[in-house]
Amino acid sequence: RAMEQLRTHLDQPLRLEEMAHELGMSLSAF
Protein backbone atom coordinates (compact mmCIF):
# COMPACT_ATOMS: atom_id res chain seq x y z
CA ARG A 1 0.00 0.00 0.00
CA ALA A 2 2.83 2.38 0.85
CA MET A 3 4.58 1.62 -2.45
CA GLU A 4 1.40 2.32 -4.40
CA GLN A 5 0.89 5.57 -2.54
CA LEU A 6 4.42 6.68 -3.38
CA ARG A 7 3.95 5.76 -7.04
CA THR A 8 0.71 7.73 -7.37
CA HIS A 9 1.92 10.82 -5.49
CA LEU A 10 5.40 11.34 -6.92
CA ASP A 11 5.20 15.10 -6.68
CA GLN A 12 4.16 15.18 -3.02
CA PRO A 13 6.58 15.67 -0.10
CA LEU A 14 7.59 12.45 1.62
CA ARG A 15 5.83 12.35 5.02
CA LEU A 16 7.16 9.15 6.51
CA GLU A 17 5.74 9.51 10.00
CA GLU A 18 2.28 10.22 8.61
CA MET A 19 2.50 7.27 6.22
CA ALA A 20 3.70 4.90 8.96
CA HIS A 21 0.86 6.05 11.22
CA GLU A 22 -1.73 5.43 8.48
CA LEU A 23 -0.35 1.91 8.09
CA GLY A 24 -0.47 1.25 11.82
CA MET A 25 3.31 0.91 12.13
CA SER A 26 6.04 2.72 14.01
CA LEU A 27 8.46 4.73 11.88
CA SER A 28 11.34 2.34 12.62
CA ALA A 29 9.20 -0.72 11.79
CA PHE A 30 8.02 0.90 8.57
PDB file of all heavy atoms in Angstrom:
ATOM      1  N   ARG A   1       0.835  -1.208   0.000  1.00  0.00           N
ATOM      2  CA  ARG A   1       0.000   0.000   0.000  1.00  0.00           C
ATOM      3  C   ARG A   1       0.867   1.254   0.000  1.00  0.00           C
ATOM      4  O   ARG A   1       0.582   2.230  -0.713  1.00  0.00           O
ATOM      5  CB  ARG A   1      -0.918  -0.004   1.230  1.00  0.00           C
ATOM      6  CG  ARG A   1      -2.117  -0.926   1.110  1.00  0.00           C
ATOM      7  CD  ARG A   1      -2.824  -1.075   2.442  1.00  0.00           C
ATOM      8  NE  ARG A   1      -3.133   0.214   3.059  1.00  0.00           N
ATOM      9  CZ  ARG A   1      -3.434   0.369   4.353  1.00  0.00           C
ATOM     10  NH1 ARG A   1      -3.436  -0.683   5.157  1.00  0.00           N
ATOM     11  NH2 ARG A   1      -3.724   1.559   4.829  1.00  0.00           N
ATOM     12  N   ALA A   2       1.925   1.225   0.802  1.00  0.00           N
ATOM     13  CA  ALA A   2       2.833   2.380   0.848  1.00  0.00           C
ATOM     14  C   ALA A   2       3.510   2.595  -0.501  1.00  0.00           C
ATOM     15  O   ALA A   2       3.644   3.735  -0.967  1.00  0.00           O
ATOM     16  CB  ALA A   2       3.878   2.168   1.943  1.00  0.00           C
ATOM     17  N   MET A   3       3.936   1.518  -1.140  1.00  0.00           N
ATOM     18  CA  MET A   3       4.582   1.624  -2.449  1.00  0.00           C
ATOM     19  C   MET A   3       3.640   2.225  -3.480  1.00  0.00           C
ATOM     20  O   MET A   3       4.023   3.077  -4.282  1.00  0.00           O
ATOM     21  CB  MET A   3       5.064   0.240  -2.898  1.00  0.00           C
ATOM     22  CG  MET A   3       6.200  -0.318  -2.042  1.00  0.00           C
ATOM     23  SD  MET A   3       6.449  -2.088  -2.290  1.00  0.00           S
ATOM     24  CE  MET A   3       6.956  -2.122  -4.007  1.00  0.00           C
ATOM     25  N   GLU A   4       2.383   1.786  -3.453  1.00  0.00           N
ATOM     26  CA  GLU A   4       1.402   2.318  -4.398  1.00  0.00           C
ATOM     27  C   GLU A   4       1.147   3.795  -4.135  1.00  0.00           C
ATOM     28  O   GLU A   4       1.014   4.596  -5.076  1.00  0.00           O
ATOM     29  CB  GLU A   4       0.096   1.524  -4.289  1.00  0.00           C
ATOM     30  CG  GLU A   4      -0.981   1.968  -5.263  1.00  0.00           C
ATOM     31  CD  GLU A   4      -0.583   1.808  -6.718  1.00  0.00           C
ATOM     32  OE1 GLU A   4       0.316   0.988  -7.019  1.00  0.00           O
ATOM     33  OE2 GLU A   4      -1.166   2.524  -7.558  1.00  0.00           O
ATOM     34  N   GLN A   5       1.098   4.164  -2.874  1.00  0.00           N
ATOM     35  CA  GLN A   5       0.889   5.569  -2.539  1.00  0.00           C
ATOM     36  C   GLN A   5       2.045   6.432  -3.033  1.00  0.00           C
ATOM     37  O   GLN A   5       1.838   7.527  -3.563  1.00  0.00           O
ATOM     38  CB  GLN A   5       0.729   5.722  -1.022  1.00  0.00           C
ATOM     39  CG  GLN A   5       0.382   7.128  -0.591  1.00  0.00           C
ATOM     40  CD  GLN A   5       0.086   7.229   0.889  1.00  0.00           C
ATOM     41  OE1 GLN A   5      -0.264   6.245   1.529  1.00  0.00           O
ATOM     42  NE2 GLN A   5       0.238   8.416   1.453  1.00  0.00           N
ATOM     43  N   LEU A   6       3.266   5.931  -2.885  1.00  0.00           N
ATOM     44  CA  LEU A   6       4.422   6.685  -3.376  1.00  0.00           C
ATOM     45  C   LEU A   6       4.388   6.806  -4.898  1.00  0.00           C
ATOM     46  O   LEU A   6       4.704   7.863  -5.455  1.00  0.00           O
ATOM     47  CB  LEU A   6       5.709   5.996  -2.927  1.00  0.00           C
ATOM     48  CG  LEU A   6       6.008   6.033  -1.420  1.00  0.00           C
ATOM     49  CD1 LEU A   6       7.210   5.174  -1.092  1.00  0.00           C
ATOM     50  CD2 LEU A   6       6.235   7.465  -0.951  1.00  0.00           C
ATOM     51  N   ARG A   7       3.993   5.740  -5.578  1.00  0.00           N
ATOM     52  CA  ARG A   7       3.946   5.763  -7.044  1.00  0.00           C
ATOM     53  C   ARG A   7       2.919   6.761  -7.565  1.00  0.00           C
ATOM     54  O   ARG A   7       3.128   7.390  -8.601  1.00  0.00           O
ATOM     55  CB  ARG A   7       3.616   4.366  -7.596  1.00  0.00           C
ATOM     56  CG  ARG A   7       4.811   3.460  -7.756  1.00  0.00           C
ATOM     57  CD  ARG A   7       4.478   2.269  -8.622  1.00  0.00           C
ATOM     58  NE  ARG A   7       3.408   1.468  -8.044  1.00  0.00           N
ATOM     59  CZ  ARG A   7       3.606   0.460  -7.202  1.00  0.00           C
ATOM     60  NH1 ARG A   7       4.832   0.140  -6.835  1.00  0.00           N
ATOM     61  NH2 ARG A   7       2.599  -0.229  -6.731  1.00  0.00           N
ATOM     62  N   THR A   8       1.794   6.884  -6.867  1.00  0.00           N
ATOM     63  CA  THR A   8       0.714   7.726  -7.366  1.00  0.00           C
ATOM     64  C   THR A   8       0.789   9.167  -6.858  1.00  0.00           C
ATOM     65  O   THR A   8      -0.035   9.997  -7.241  1.00  0.00           O
ATOM     66  CB  THR A   8      -0.653   7.126  -6.990  1.00  0.00           C
ATOM     67  OG1 THR A   8      -0.713   6.902  -5.573  1.00  0.00           O
ATOM     68  CG2 THR A   8      -0.871   5.801  -7.714  1.00  0.00           C
ATOM     69  N   HIS A   9       1.755   9.458  -6.003  1.00  0.00           N
ATOM     70  CA  HIS A   9       1.918  10.818  -5.487  1.00  0.00           C
ATOM     71  C   HIS A   9       3.389  11.230  -5.559  1.00  0.00           C
ATOM     72  O   HIS A   9       3.975  11.690  -4.586  1.00  0.00           O
ATOM     73  CB  HIS A   9       1.404  10.916  -4.050  1.00  0.00           C
ATOM     74  CG  HIS A   9      -0.060  10.636  -3.913  1.00  0.00           C
ATOM     75  ND1 HIS A   9      -0.557   9.361  -3.753  1.00  0.00           N
ATOM     76  CD2 HIS A   9      -1.138  11.472  -3.941  1.00  0.00           C
ATOM     77  CE1 HIS A   9      -1.880   9.427  -3.663  1.00  0.00           C
ATOM     78  NE2 HIS A   9      -2.260  10.684  -3.776  1.00  0.00           N
ATOM     79  N   LEU A  10       3.979  11.064  -6.736  1.00  0.00           N
ATOM     80  CA  LEU A  10       5.400  11.338  -6.916  1.00  0.00           C
ATOM     81  C   LEU A  10       5.778  12.775  -6.576  1.00  0.00           C
ATOM     82  O   LEU A  10       6.886  13.034  -6.097  1.00  0.00           O
ATOM     83  CB  LEU A  10       5.816  11.049  -8.366  1.00  0.00           C
ATOM     84  CG  LEU A  10       5.888   9.597  -8.817  1.00  0.00           C
ATOM     85  CD1 LEU A  10       6.268   9.542 -10.278  1.00  0.00           C
ATOM     86  CD2 LEU A  10       6.890   8.829  -7.975  1.00  0.00           C
ATOM     87  N   ASP A  11       4.864  13.693  -6.846  1.00  0.00           N
ATOM     88  CA  ASP A  11       5.203  15.104  -6.679  1.00  0.00           C
ATOM     89  C   ASP A  11       4.956  15.619  -5.266  1.00  0.00           C
ATOM     90  O   ASP A  11       5.232  16.787  -4.975  1.00  0.00           O
ATOM     91  CB  ASP A  11       4.404  15.949  -7.672  1.00  0.00           C
ATOM     92  CG  ASP A  11       2.900  15.806  -7.470  1.00  0.00           C
ATOM     93  OD1 ASP A  11       2.473  14.752  -6.957  1.00  0.00           O
ATOM     94  OD2 ASP A  11       2.152  16.735  -7.819  1.00  0.00           O
ATOM     95  N   GLN A  12       4.474  14.751  -4.384  1.00  0.00           N
ATOM     96  CA  GLN A  12       4.159  15.176  -3.023  1.00  0.00           C
ATOM     97  C   GLN A  12       5.357  14.988  -2.089  1.00  0.00           C
ATOM     98  O   GLN A  12       6.159  14.069  -2.273  1.00  0.00           O
ATOM     99  CB  GLN A  12       2.968  14.387  -2.480  1.00  0.00           C
ATOM    100  CG  GLN A  12       1.697  14.568  -3.301  1.00  0.00           C
ATOM    101  CD  GLN A  12       1.247  16.008  -3.337  1.00  0.00           C
ATOM    102  OE1 GLN A  12       1.136  16.658  -2.298  1.00  0.00           O
ATOM    103  NE2 GLN A  12       0.998  16.526  -4.538  1.00  0.00           N
ATOM    104  N   PRO A  13       5.498  15.847  -1.080  1.00  0.00           N
ATOM    105  CA  PRO A  13       6.582  15.667  -0.100  1.00  0.00           C
ATOM    106  C   PRO A  13       6.456  14.319   0.596  1.00  0.00           C
ATOM    107  O   PRO A  13       5.346  13.796   0.779  1.00  0.00           O
ATOM    108  CB  PRO A  13       6.356  16.824   0.890  1.00  0.00           C
ATOM    109  CG  PRO A  13       5.547  17.822   0.141  1.00  0.00           C
ATOM    110  CD  PRO A  13       4.679  17.043  -0.799  1.00  0.00           C
ATOM    111  N   LEU A  14       7.574  13.745   0.963  1.00  0.00           N
ATOM    112  CA  LEU A  14       7.591  12.447   1.624  1.00  0.00           C
ATOM    113  C   LEU A  14       7.350  12.644   3.122  1.00  0.00           C
ATOM    114  O   LEU A  14       8.203  13.185   3.828  1.00  0.00           O
ATOM    115  CB  LEU A  14       8.944  11.762   1.382  1.00  0.00           C
ATOM    116  CG  LEU A  14       9.104  10.351   1.957  1.00  0.00           C
ATOM    117  CD1 LEU A  14       8.050   9.409   1.367  1.00  0.00           C
ATOM    118  CD2 LEU A  14      10.505   9.827   1.663  1.00  0.00           C
ATOM    119  N   ARG A  15       6.201  12.217   3.604  1.00  0.00           N
ATOM    120  CA  ARG A  15       5.831  12.354   5.017  1.00  0.00           C
ATOM    121  C   ARG A  15       5.836  10.958   5.641  1.00  0.00           C
ATOM    122  O   ARG A  15       4.794  10.300   5.744  1.00  0.00           O
ATOM    123  CB  ARG A  15       4.474  13.020   5.144  1.00  0.00           C
ATOM    124  CG  ARG A  15       4.440  14.444   4.593  1.00  0.00           C
ATOM    125  CD  ARG A  15       3.095  15.108   4.851  1.00  0.00           C
ATOM    126  NE  ARG A  15       3.087  16.499   4.425  1.00  0.00           N
ATOM    127  CZ  ARG A  15       2.694  16.917   3.223  1.00  0.00           C
ATOM    128  NH1 ARG A  15       2.313  16.023   2.304  1.00  0.00           N
ATOM    129  NH2 ARG A  15       2.713  18.202   2.918  1.00  0.00           N
ATOM    130  N   LEU A  16       6.997  10.516   6.051  1.00  0.00           N
ATOM    131  CA  LEU A  16       7.164   9.146   6.511  1.00  0.00           C
ATOM    132  C   LEU A  16       6.387   8.854   7.788  1.00  0.00           C
ATOM    133  O   LEU A  16       5.772   7.793   7.917  1.00  0.00           O
ATOM    134  CB  LEU A  16       8.648   8.841   6.715  1.00  0.00           C
ATOM    135  CG  LEU A  16       9.487   8.781   5.432  1.00  0.00           C
ATOM    136  CD1 LEU A  16      10.947   8.564   5.762  1.00  0.00           C
ATOM    137  CD2 LEU A  16       8.979   7.670   4.526  1.00  0.00           C
ATOM    138  N   GLU A  17       6.437   9.768   8.750  1.00  0.00           N
ATOM    139  CA  GLU A  17       5.741   9.510  10.003  1.00  0.00           C
ATOM    140  C   GLU A  17       4.238   9.397   9.784  1.00  0.00           C
ATOM    141  O   GLU A  17       3.579   8.521  10.351  1.00  0.00           O
ATOM    142  CB  GLU A  17       6.050  10.620  11.012  1.00  0.00           C
ATOM    143  CG  GLU A  17       7.496  10.600  11.502  1.00  0.00           C
ATOM    144  CD  GLU A  17       7.728  11.602  12.627  1.00  0.00           C
ATOM    145  OE1 GLU A  17       6.755  12.256  13.042  1.00  0.00           O
ATOM    146  OE2 GLU A  17       8.883  11.709  13.074  1.00  0.00           O
ATOM    147  N   GLU A  18       3.705  10.270   8.929  1.00  0.00           N
ATOM    148  CA  GLU A  18       2.281  10.221   8.611  1.00  0.00           C
ATOM    149  C   GLU A  18       1.920   8.923   7.901  1.00  0.00           C
ATOM    150  O   GLU A  18       0.898   8.289   8.196  1.00  0.00           O
ATOM    151  CB  GLU A  18       1.929  11.425   7.738  1.00  0.00           C
ATOM    152  CG  GLU A  18       0.467  11.545   7.381  1.00  0.00           C
ATOM    153  CD  GLU A  18       0.201  12.783   6.550  1.00  0.00           C
ATOM    154  OE1 GLU A  18       0.733  13.863   6.890  1.00  0.00           O
ATOM    155  OE2 GLU A  18      -0.549  12.661   5.543  1.00  0.00           O
ATOM    156  N   MET A  19       2.757   8.510   6.955  1.00  0.00           N
ATOM    157  CA  MET A  19       2.503   7.274   6.224  1.00  0.00           C
ATOM    158  C   MET A  19       2.561   6.065   7.154  1.00  0.00           C
ATOM    159  O   MET A  19       1.696   5.174   7.103  1.00  0.00           O
ATOM    160  CB  MET A  19       3.527   7.118   5.091  1.00  0.00           C
ATOM    161  CG  MET A  19       3.289   5.923   4.197  1.00  0.00           C
ATOM    162  SD  MET A  19       4.469   5.856   2.809  1.00  0.00           S
ATOM    163  CE  MET A  19       3.906   7.271   1.854  1.00  0.00           C
ATOM    164  N   ALA A  20       3.574   6.013   8.013  1.00  0.00           N
ATOM    165  CA  ALA A  20       3.696   4.898   8.955  1.00  0.00           C
ATOM    166  C   ALA A  20       2.484   4.838   9.873  1.00  0.00           C
ATOM    167  O   ALA A  20       1.954   3.756  10.153  1.00  0.00           O
ATOM    168  CB  ALA A  20       4.985   5.050   9.765  1.00  0.00           C
ATOM    169  N   HIS A  21       2.026   5.996  10.327  1.00  0.00           N
ATOM    170  CA  HIS A  21       0.858   6.047  11.216  1.00  0.00           C
ATOM    171  C   HIS A  21      -0.382   5.510  10.510  1.00  0.00           C
ATOM    172  O   HIS A  21      -1.159   4.740  11.098  1.00  0.00           O
ATOM    173  CB  HIS A  21       0.626   7.487  11.680  1.00  0.00           C
ATOM    174  CG  HIS A  21      -0.588   7.637  12.556  1.00  0.00           C
ATOM    175  ND1 HIS A  21      -0.621   7.199  13.861  1.00  0.00           N
ATOM    176  CD2 HIS A  21      -1.824   8.172  12.285  1.00  0.00           C
ATOM    177  CE1 HIS A  21      -1.815   7.457  14.371  1.00  0.00           C
ATOM    178  NE2 HIS A  21      -2.557   8.042  13.438  1.00  0.00           N
ATOM    179  N   GLU A  22      -0.571   5.894   9.242  1.00  0.00           N
ATOM    180  CA  GLU A  22      -1.730   5.426   8.480  1.00  0.00           C
ATOM    181  C   GLU A  22      -1.699   3.910   8.300  1.00  0.00           C
ATOM    182  O   GLU A  22      -2.744   3.268   8.189  1.00  0.00           O
ATOM    183  CB  GLU A  22      -1.766   6.112   7.114  1.00  0.00           C
ATOM    184  CG  GLU A  22      -2.122   7.589   7.183  1.00  0.00           C
ATOM    185  CD  GLU A  22      -2.037   8.249   5.825  1.00  0.00           C
ATOM    186  OE1 GLU A  22      -1.622   7.566   4.856  1.00  0.00           O
ATOM    187  OE2 GLU A  22      -2.371   9.451   5.722  1.00  0.00           O
ATOM    188  N   LEU A  23      -0.504   3.347   8.266  1.00  0.00           N
ATOM    189  CA  LEU A  23      -0.348   1.906   8.089  1.00  0.00           C
ATOM    190  C   LEU A  23      -0.367   1.154   9.410  1.00  0.00           C
ATOM    191  O   LEU A  23      -0.282  -0.077   9.434  1.00  0.00           O
ATOM    192  CB  LEU A  23       0.955   1.603   7.347  1.00  0.00           C
ATOM    193  CG  LEU A  23       1.053   2.140   5.916  1.00  0.00           C
ATOM    194  CD1 LEU A  23       2.456   1.947   5.369  1.00  0.00           C
ATOM    195  CD2 LEU A  23       0.032   1.464   5.015  1.00  0.00           C
ATOM    196  N   GLY A  24      -0.450   1.884  10.510  1.00  0.00           N
ATOM    197  CA  GLY A  24      -0.470   1.246  11.818  1.00  0.00           C
ATOM    198  C   GLY A  24       0.876   0.695  12.235  1.00  0.00           C
ATOM    199  O   GLY A  24       0.967  -0.325  12.905  1.00  0.00           O
ATOM    200  N   MET A  25       1.965   1.377  11.836  1.00  0.00           N
ATOM    201  CA  MET A  25       3.312   0.915  12.126  1.00  0.00           C
ATOM    202  C   MET A  25       4.108   2.058  12.746  1.00  0.00           C
ATOM    203  O   MET A  25       3.841   3.233  12.476  1.00  0.00           O
ATOM    204  CB  MET A  25       4.022   0.429  10.849  1.00  0.00           C
ATOM    205  CG  MET A  25       3.273  -0.643  10.088  1.00  0.00           C
ATOM    206  SD  MET A  25       4.016  -1.003   8.464  1.00  0.00           S
ATOM    207  CE  MET A  25       5.482  -1.870   8.972  1.00  0.00           C
ATOM    208  N   SER A  26       5.104   1.699  13.539  1.00  0.00           N
ATOM    209  CA  SER A  26       6.037   2.715  14.010  1.00  0.00           C
ATOM    210  C   SER A  26       6.938   3.112  12.850  1.00  0.00           C
ATOM    211  O   SER A  26       7.062   2.370  11.863  1.00  0.00           O
ATOM    212  CB  SER A  26       6.884   2.176  15.160  1.00  0.00           C
ATOM    213  OG  SER A  26       7.775   1.178  14.690  1.00  0.00           O
ATOM    214  N   LEU A  27       7.582   4.267  12.954  1.00  0.00           N
ATOM    215  CA  LEU A  27       8.455   4.727  11.879  1.00  0.00           C
ATOM    216  C   LEU A  27       9.613   3.759  11.664  1.00  0.00           C
ATOM    217  O   LEU A  27       9.956   3.431  10.525  1.00  0.00           O
ATOM    218  CB  LEU A  27       8.992   6.124  12.199  1.00  0.00           C
ATOM    219  CG  LEU A  27       9.870   6.770  11.117  1.00  0.00           C
ATOM    220  CD1 LEU A  27       9.118   6.878   9.802  1.00  0.00           C
ATOM    221  CD2 LEU A  27      10.341   8.154  11.583  1.00  0.00           C
ATOM    222  N   SER A  28      10.205   3.268  12.740  1.00  0.00           N
ATOM    223  CA  SER A  28      11.337   2.340  12.616  1.00  0.00           C
ATOM    224  C   SER A  28      10.892   1.019  11.990  1.00  0.00           C
ATOM    225  O   SER A  28      11.600   0.453  11.150  1.00  0.00           O
ATOM    226  CB  SER A  28      11.978   2.099  13.982  1.00  0.00           C
ATOM    227  OG  SER A  28      11.045   1.550  14.882  1.00  0.00           O
ATOM    228  N   ALA A  29       9.704   0.525  12.366  1.00  0.00           N
ATOM    229  CA  ALA A  29       9.201  -0.725  11.789  1.00  0.00           C
ATOM    230  C   ALA A  29       8.884  -0.548  10.310  1.00  0.00           C
ATOM    231  O   ALA A  29       9.151  -1.430   9.488  1.00  0.00           O
ATOM    232  CB  ALA A  29       7.964  -1.192  12.543  1.00  0.00           C
ATOM    233  N   PHE A  30       8.325   0.622   9.968  1.00  0.00           N
ATOM    234  CA  PHE A  30       8.022   0.905   8.574  1.00  0.00           C
ATOM    235  C   PHE A  30       9.287   0.876   7.729  1.00  0.00           C
ATOM    236  O   PHE A  30       9.340   0.236   6.676  1.00  0.00           O
ATOM    237  CB  PHE A  30       7.336   2.265   8.473  1.00  0.00           C
ATOM    238  CG  PHE A  30       7.048   2.701   7.066  1.00  0.00           C
ATOM    239  CD1 PHE A  30       6.319   1.903   6.198  1.00  0.00           C
ATOM    240  CD2 PHE A  30       7.513   3.931   6.603  1.00  0.00           C
ATOM    241  CE1 PHE A  30       6.057   2.316   4.896  1.00  0.00           C
ATOM    242  CE2 PHE A  30       7.245   4.348   5.313  1.00  0.00           C
ATOM    243  CZ  PHE A  30       6.522   3.542   4.451  1.00  0.00           C
TER     244      PHE A  30
END
